[in-house]
Protein backbone atom coordinates (compact mmCIF):
# COMPACT_ATOMS: atom_id res chain seq x y z
CA MET A 1 -93.26 -11.03 -92.99
CA LYS A 2 -95.11 -7.73 -92.70
CA PHE A 3 -98.36 -7.14 -90.83
CA LYS A 4 -100.72 -4.16 -91.00
CA TYR A 5 -102.73 -2.68 -88.12
CA LYS A 6 -103.30 0.64 -86.38
CA PRO A 7 -100.20 2.88 -86.15
CA ASN A 8 -98.12 3.01 -82.95
CA VAL A 9 -99.69 -0.08 -81.33
CA ALA A 10 -97.36 -2.19 -79.21
CA VAL A 11 -97.51 -5.99 -79.47
CA THR A 12 -96.53 -7.99 -76.40
CA ASP A 13 -96.23 -11.70 -75.67
CA ARG A 14 -99.04 -12.76 -73.34
CA LYS A 15 -96.98 -15.40 -71.52
CA THR A 16 -93.76 -13.51 -70.89
CA HIS A 17 -95.13 -9.94 -71.22
CA LYS A 18 -92.14 -9.02 -73.38
CA LEU A 19 -92.42 -6.52 -76.19
CA ILE A 20 -92.52 -8.23 -79.59
CA GLY A 21 -92.66 -5.05 -81.66
CA VAL A 22 -94.47 -1.80 -82.36
CA PHE A 23 -96.40 -0.90 -85.50
CA ASP A 24 -94.75 2.11 -87.13
CA GLU A 25 -96.45 5.39 -88.12
CA HIS A 26 -97.78 3.71 -91.28
CA GLY A 27 -99.19 0.74 -89.35
CA ILE A 28 -96.60 -1.81 -90.52
CA LEU A 29 -94.82 -4.35 -88.31
CA GLU A 30 -92.07 -6.53 -89.75
CA CYS A 31 -91.31 -9.83 -88.02
CA ASN A 32 -88.69 -12.39 -89.06
CA ASP A 33 -89.06 -14.82 -86.14
CA PRO A 34 -90.51 -18.10 -87.47
CA ARG A 35 -92.04 -18.95 -84.07
CA LEU A 36 -93.96 -15.66 -83.84
CA ILE A 37 -95.25 -15.48 -87.43
CA PRO A 38 -98.10 -18.04 -87.00
CA ARG A 39 -99.32 -16.29 -83.85
CA LEU A 40 -99.17 -12.85 -85.47
CA LYS A 41 -100.98 -14.20 -88.55
CA SER A 42 -103.90 -15.24 -86.37
CA LYS A 43 -104.22 -11.75 -84.83
CA PHE A 44 -103.22 -9.29 -87.58
CA PRO A 45 -103.74 -9.17 -91.36
CA VAL A 46 -100.70 -9.84 -93.52
CA PHE A 47 -99.46 -6.83 -95.47
CA GLU A 48 -98.52 -7.67 -99.03
CA GLU A 49 -96.59 -5.18 -101.10
CA TYR A 50 -96.68 -5.52 -104.87
CA VAL A 51 -93.67 -4.31 -106.87
CA CYS A 52 -93.72 -3.29 -110.53
CA ARG A 53 -91.18 -5.34 -112.49
CA LYS A 54 -90.57 -2.61 -115.06
CA CYS A 55 -90.03 0.48 -112.89
CA GLY A 56 -89.77 -0.80 -109.29
CA GLY A 57 -92.81 1.10 -107.96
CA THR A 58 -94.54 -0.39 -104.90
CA PHE A 59 -98.30 -0.71 -104.45
CA ASP A 60 -100.56 -1.85 -101.60
CA SER A 61 -102.95 -3.92 -103.73
CA LYS A 62 -102.78 -5.93 -106.91
CA GLY A 63 -105.52 -3.76 -108.42
CA LEU A 64 -103.39 -0.63 -108.05
CA LEU A 65 -100.46 -2.45 -109.64
CA LEU A 66 -102.58 -3.53 -112.62
CA ALA A 67 -103.97 -0.01 -113.06
CA HIS A 68 -100.40 1.31 -113.01
CA HIS A 69 -99.40 -1.16 -115.74
CA ARG A 70 -102.33 -0.12 -117.94
CA LYS A 71 -101.63 3.58 -117.49
CA VAL A 72 -97.83 3.84 -117.51
CA HIS A 73 -96.52 0.75 -119.28
CA ASN A 74 -99.16 0.47 -122.00
CA ASP A 75 -97.64 -1.71 -124.72
CA SER A 76 -100.70 -1.79 -127.00
CA LYS A 77 -100.07 -0.67 -130.56
């Protein structure tokens, strides 16, 4: 699961003080540990990436994906 926050911020476990991960230069942290996901969900917003089925383009919001479909893949006759 991907989370979005400020770029280059380190996330540590409060109990053990171990490094969980660091948000990259785009502000994305990917975590696959099922024990950490609920705790990270409570602190950071979940980053959802929408993929176009026709061309494979990726978009940050569903609105941008829909606008892309209207503009590029217009099937109206």
